Protein backbone atom coordinates (compact mmCIF):
# COMPACT_ATOMS: atom_id res chain seq x y z
CA MET A 1 106.50 95.19 76.83
CA ASN A 2 103.95 97.89 76.32
CA GLU A 3 101.24 95.76 77.79
CA ALA A 4 99.37 97.52 80.76
CA ILE A 5 99.70 95.30 83.72
CA VAL A 6 97.96 97.84 86.07
CA GLN A 7 95.74 100.80 84.90
CA LEU A 8 93.96 103.11 87.29
CA GLU A 9 91.65 105.79 86.10
CA SER A 10 90.43 108.64 88.40
CA VAL A 11 90.44 106.20 91.45
CA TYR A 12 89.17 107.39 94.77
CA VAL A 13 89.09 105.41 98.02
CA TRP A 14 87.30 106.52 101.11
CA THR A 15 86.42 104.97 104.46
CA ALA A 16 82.93 104.24 105.68
CA GLU A 17 83.16 107.52 107.63
CA GLY A 18 83.86 109.45 104.36
CA VAL A 19 87.47 110.02 104.98
CA ASN A 20 89.45 110.19 101.70
CA ILE A 21 92.54 107.87 101.55
CA LEU A 22 93.23 108.11 97.90
CA ARG A 23 92.16 111.02 95.52
CA ASP A 24 91.86 110.98 91.72
CA LEU A 25 94.67 108.52 91.04
CA SER A 26 95.41 107.79 87.41
CA TRP A 27 98.43 105.53 86.86
CA LYS A 28 99.65 102.84 84.56
CA VAL A 29 102.25 100.05 85.14
CA ARG A 30 103.49 98.20 82.02
CA ALA A 31 105.15 94.83 81.68
CA GLY A 32 108.92 95.04 82.52
CA GLU A 33 108.64 98.20 84.64
CA HIS A 34 109.95 98.39 88.19
CA TRP A 35 108.18 100.95 90.23
CA ALA A 36 109.03 102.45 93.56
CA LEU A 37 106.13 103.69 95.66
CA LEU A 38 107.24 106.30 98.21
CA GLY A 39 105.62 108.67 100.55
CA PRO A 40 105.31 109.66 104.25
CA ASN A 41 103.29 107.65 106.78
CA GLY A 42 99.61 107.93 106.12
CA SER A 43 100.02 108.86 102.41
CA GLY A 44 97.94 105.98 101.18
CA LYS A 45 100.83 103.57 100.10
CA SER A 46 99.36 100.56 101.73
CA THR A 47 95.84 101.24 100.41
CA LEU A 48 97.14 101.60 96.85
CA LEU A 49 99.08 98.28 97.19
CA SER A 50 95.92 96.63 98.43
CA LEU A 51 94.20 97.72 95.20
CA LEU A 52 96.94 96.20 93.13
CA ALA A 53 96.70 92.99 95.12
CA THR A 54 92.82 93.09 94.39
CA MET A 55 92.15 93.04 98.26
CA ARG A 56 90.28 96.31 97.98
CA HIS A 57 88.05 97.94 95.32
CA PRO A 58 88.00 101.62 94.48
CA SER A 59 85.17 103.68 95.88
CA GLU A 60 85.02 105.57 92.62
CA GLY A 61 86.85 105.23 89.34
CA THR A 62 88.16 102.08 87.69
CA ALA A 63 91.03 99.80 88.48
CA THR A 64 92.18 97.20 86.02
CA VAL A 65 94.77 94.61 87.04
CA LEU A 66 96.14 92.06 84.63
CA GLY A 67 93.22 92.85 82.29
CA GLY A 68 90.54 92.21 84.94
CA LYS A 69 88.51 95.23 86.01
CA LEU A 70 87.89 95.11 89.75
CA GLY A 71 84.20 94.52 90.50
CA LYS A 72 83.63 92.81 87.13
CA THR A 73 86.14 89.89 87.29
CA ASN A 74 86.76 86.61 89.23
CA LEU A 75 89.13 87.87 91.98
CA TRP A 76 90.31 84.36 93.00
CA ALA A 77 91.54 83.66 89.47
CA LEU A 78 93.14 87.11 89.35
CA ARG A 79 94.99 86.73 92.65
CA GLU A 80 96.58 83.50 91.46
CA ARG A 81 98.57 85.64 88.92
CA ILE A 82 99.75 88.23 91.43
CA GLY A 83 102.87 87.65 93.57
CA VAL A 84 102.64 89.30 96.97
CA VAL A 85 105.68 89.61 99.26
CA ASP A 86 104.37 90.17 102.72
CA PRO A 87 107.07 90.42 105.55
CA THR A 88 104.54 89.20 108.02
CA MET A 89 103.68 85.91 106.20
CA ARG A 90 104.04 83.07 108.46
CA MET A 91 106.42 80.27 107.41
CA PRO A 92 106.22 77.18 109.74
CA GLU A 93 109.59 76.84 111.51
CA GLU A 94 109.76 73.01 110.90
CA LEU A 95 109.54 73.22 107.06
CA PHE A 96 112.73 73.12 104.91
CA ILE A 97 113.19 76.19 102.78
CA SER A 98 112.66 74.25 99.57
CA GLU A 99 109.30 73.13 100.91
CA VAL A 100 108.25 76.75 101.77
CA VAL A 101 109.06 77.72 98.20
CA LEU A 102 106.98 74.94 96.85
CA THR A 103 103.83 76.07 98.79
CA GLY A 104 103.92 79.14 96.44
CA ALA A 105 102.67 76.90 93.71
CA THR A 106 99.50 76.06 95.67
CA ASN A 107 99.30 79.30 97.78
CA THR A 108 99.14 77.18 100.90
CA VAL A 109 100.98 77.26 104.32
CA GLN A 110 101.79 73.62 104.36
CA PRO A 111 102.96 71.68 101.26
CA LEU A 112 100.42 69.68 99.20
CA TRP A 113 102.70 66.90 98.01
CA ASP A 114 100.33 65.39 95.43
CA ARG A 115 100.31 68.76 93.54
CA TYR A 116 104.23 68.99 93.10
CA GLY A 117 106.16 67.12 90.53
CA PRO A 118 109.66 67.34 89.04
CA THR A 119 108.85 70.62 87.32
CA GLU A 120 107.79 72.35 90.49
CA GLN A 121 110.78 70.88 92.46
CA SER A 122 113.17 72.16 89.86
CA ARG A 123 111.58 75.59 89.67
CA ALA A 124 111.89 76.03 93.52
CA ARG A 125 115.56 75.24 93.48
CA ASP A 126 116.10 77.44 90.45
CA LEU A 127 114.38 80.37 92.23
CA LEU A 128 116.31 80.01 95.30
CA ASP A 129 119.61 80.00 93.17
CA LEU A 130 118.35 83.17 91.31
CA LEU A 131 117.81 85.01 94.66
CA GLY A 132 121.16 83.99 96.04
CA CYS A 133 120.00 81.54 98.64
CA GLY A 134 120.32 78.18 96.96
CA ASP A 135 122.41 76.97 99.90
CA LEU A 136 119.29 77.38 102.15
CA ALA A 137 117.15 74.70 100.27
CA ASP A 138 117.80 71.89 102.79
CA ARG A 139 117.80 74.01 105.93
CA SER A 140 114.73 74.60 108.13
CA VAL A 141 113.08 77.92 108.47
CA ALA A 142 114.08 78.03 112.15
CA THR A 143 117.64 78.31 111.13
CA CYS A 144 117.35 81.27 108.83
CA SER A 145 117.78 85.00 109.44
CA GLN A 146 115.22 87.58 108.67
CA GLY A 147 117.04 88.68 105.59
CA GLU A 148 117.28 85.17 104.31
CA ARG A 149 113.52 84.52 105.02
CA GLN A 150 112.69 87.73 103.04
CA ARG A 151 114.44 86.35 99.98
CA VAL A 152 112.67 83.02 100.38
CA ARG A 153 109.35 84.79 100.52
CA ILE A 154 110.15 86.34 97.11
CA ALA A 155 111.12 82.92 95.75
CA ARG A 156 107.86 81.54 97.13
CA ALA A 157 105.82 84.43 95.53
CA LEU A 158 107.42 83.63 92.07
CA MET A 159 106.54 80.02 92.06
CA ALA A 160 103.28 80.57 90.17
CA GLU A 161 105.27 82.68 87.49
CA PRO A 162 103.09 85.89 87.99
CA PRO A 163 103.49 88.79 85.76
CA LEU A 164 103.10 91.19 88.75
CA LEU A 165 105.13 91.15 91.91
CA LEU A 166 104.19 93.37 94.83
CA LEU A 167 106.73 94.06 97.65
CA ASP A 168 105.59 95.92 100.86
CA GLU A 169 108.71 97.38 102.53
CA PRO A 170 110.78 94.26 101.89
CA ALA A 171 113.92 95.70 103.42
CA ASN A 172 112.13 96.83 106.74
CA ALA A 173 114.16 95.78 109.83
CA LEU A 174 116.98 94.23 107.79
CA ASP A 175 120.59 94.85 108.91
CA LEU A 176 122.90 96.23 106.20
CA PRO A 177 124.32 93.01 104.88
CA ALA A 178 120.81 91.50 104.64
CA ARG A 179 119.49 94.63 102.91
CA GLU A 180 122.29 94.63 100.29
CA ALA A 181 121.80 90.76 99.60
CA LEU A 182 117.94 91.50 99.10
CA LEU A 183 118.65 94.42 96.74
CA ALA A 184 121.15 92.37 94.69
CA ALA A 185 118.57 89.55 94.48
CA LEU A 186 115.91 91.93 93.13
CA ALA A 187 118.40 93.28 90.59
CA ALA A 188 119.19 89.69 89.49
CA LEU A 189 115.39 89.02 89.19
CA ALA A 190 114.86 91.97 86.87
CA ASP A 191 117.58 90.70 84.58
CA ALA A 192 116.15 87.13 84.69
CA ARG A 193 112.57 88.03 84.28
CA PRO A 194 112.52 91.05 81.90
CA GLU A 195 108.78 90.87 81.33
CA LEU A 196 107.99 90.98 85.13
CA ALA A 197 106.40 94.14 86.54
CA THR A 198 107.17 94.99 90.16
CA VAL A 199 105.91 97.59 92.64
CA LEU A 200 108.00 98.09 95.78
CA VAL A 201 106.70 100.17 98.68
CA SER A 202 109.27 101.95 100.82
CA HIS A 203 109.85 104.97 103.03
CA HIS A 204 113.55 105.11 102.13
CA VAL A 205 115.22 105.73 98.78
CA GLU A 206 118.24 103.89 100.19
CA GLU A 207 116.13 100.66 100.08
CA LEU A 208 115.48 100.85 96.36
CA PRO A 209 117.24 98.20 94.07
CA PRO A 210 119.30 99.61 91.24
CA SER A 211 116.77 97.98 88.78
CA THR A 212 114.17 100.52 89.67
CA THR A 213 112.94 102.07 86.50
CA HIS A 214 110.07 104.30 87.65
CA ALA A 215 108.76 105.97 90.77
CA LEU A 216 105.42 107.25 92.17
CA LEU A 217 105.48 109.80 94.97
CA LEU A 218 102.31 109.85 97.14
CA ARG A 219 101.30 112.45 99.68
CA GLN A 220 97.89 112.71 101.61
CA GLY A 221 96.43 110.19 99.03
CA GLU A 222 97.39 112.28 95.94
CA ILE A 223 100.07 111.74 93.34
CA VAL A 224 102.91 114.34 93.70
CA ALA A 225 104.76 112.91 90.69
CA ALA A 226 105.05 109.56 88.75
CA GLY A 227 107.27 108.64 85.86
CA PRO A 228 110.85 107.51 85.00
CA VAL A 229 112.90 107.25 88.20
CA GLY A 230 115.49 109.90 87.06
CA ALA A 231 112.92 112.57 86.48
CA THR A 232 110.82 111.61 89.61
CA LEU A 233 113.33 111.00 92.42
CA THR A 234 114.69 114.62 92.35
CA SER A 235 115.32 116.80 95.42
CA ASP A 236 112.56 119.14 94.64
CA LEU A 237 109.83 116.54 94.06
CA VAL A 238 110.87 114.34 97.07
CA SER A 239 110.96 117.51 99.22
CA THR A 240 107.42 118.22 98.19
CA CYS A 241 106.37 114.80 98.81
CA PHE A 242 107.74 114.44 102.33
CA GLY A 243 107.17 118.13 103.39
CA LEU A 244 110.76 118.72 104.19
CA PRO A 245 113.76 120.16 102.21
CA ILE A 246 115.57 116.98 101.08
CA GLU A 247 118.64 116.50 98.95
CA VAL A 248 118.50 113.42 96.86
CA GLU A 249 121.62 112.02 95.17
CA ARG A 250 122.19 109.02 93.01
CA ARG A 251 125.67 107.30 92.83
CA PHE A 252 126.50 104.01 91.13
CA GLY A 253 122.90 103.30 90.52
CA ARG A 254 121.74 103.74 94.10
CA TRP A 255 120.07 106.68 95.87
CA ASN A 256 120.51 108.38 99.16
CA ALA A 257 118.56 111.21 100.79
CA ARG A 258 119.05 113.54 103.74
CA ALA A 259 117.66 116.88 105.01
CA SER A 260 119.12 119.78 103.29
CA ALA A 261 122.17 121.49 104.96
CA ALA A 262 120.15 124.76 105.24
CA TRP A 263 117.43 122.98 107.09
CA GLU A 264 119.82 121.22 109.46
CA ARG A 265 121.38 124.54 110.44
CA ARG A 266 118.12 125.97 111.64
């Protein structure tokens, strides 16, 4: 479980106009770790996630993902081993949910039936069960809520059995019951796949699953703090990250945050 899944060393990313997006990032993600990536808008979270997904290269420094150094490895082969959960991913409305999950084995929009056998069929059903939506298997996408679709996207991303799973604001726009079902599914996934490493981007600590083990706080392209979640999601560090006095509290394995009482009284 000490295997480095992601390793960044003095990484910089800048635009063609010379605007720095990420500055001097050094960071390591190991197998079995579940990272929360938090920061205000414009802090560089999406850019960092695109590096981990191998969709972008560093302008300076080295980025190694699943043992492959970006710029010196076959990206197509590497991407097959990375699960990406994108809330904007299109799912054809006419497909059954079990069919959508199967497409994760071939990374296609439509099923390629000659590529799926009993093993793939069974794995798709098992993943739906694991994520608490086994009853959706024979329903069409058109009949599913946004929360249900999000859990289906996670099941699809896991079909290729990736060692790394990236989630970009998975709870965004979900109502309370859908959010809680999603977080419960992520906690169940952590128990079922102890070797899996995950990185979850969010603006809100309330959207972090209780299985979160580590956190990285990003502000203006620089790391404010990174490490075990208990030492990182503190009121002082989160306040520094967001530029606002914030009180962070953890109860029953979940977090909540609000502006400090002193700031509210201003």
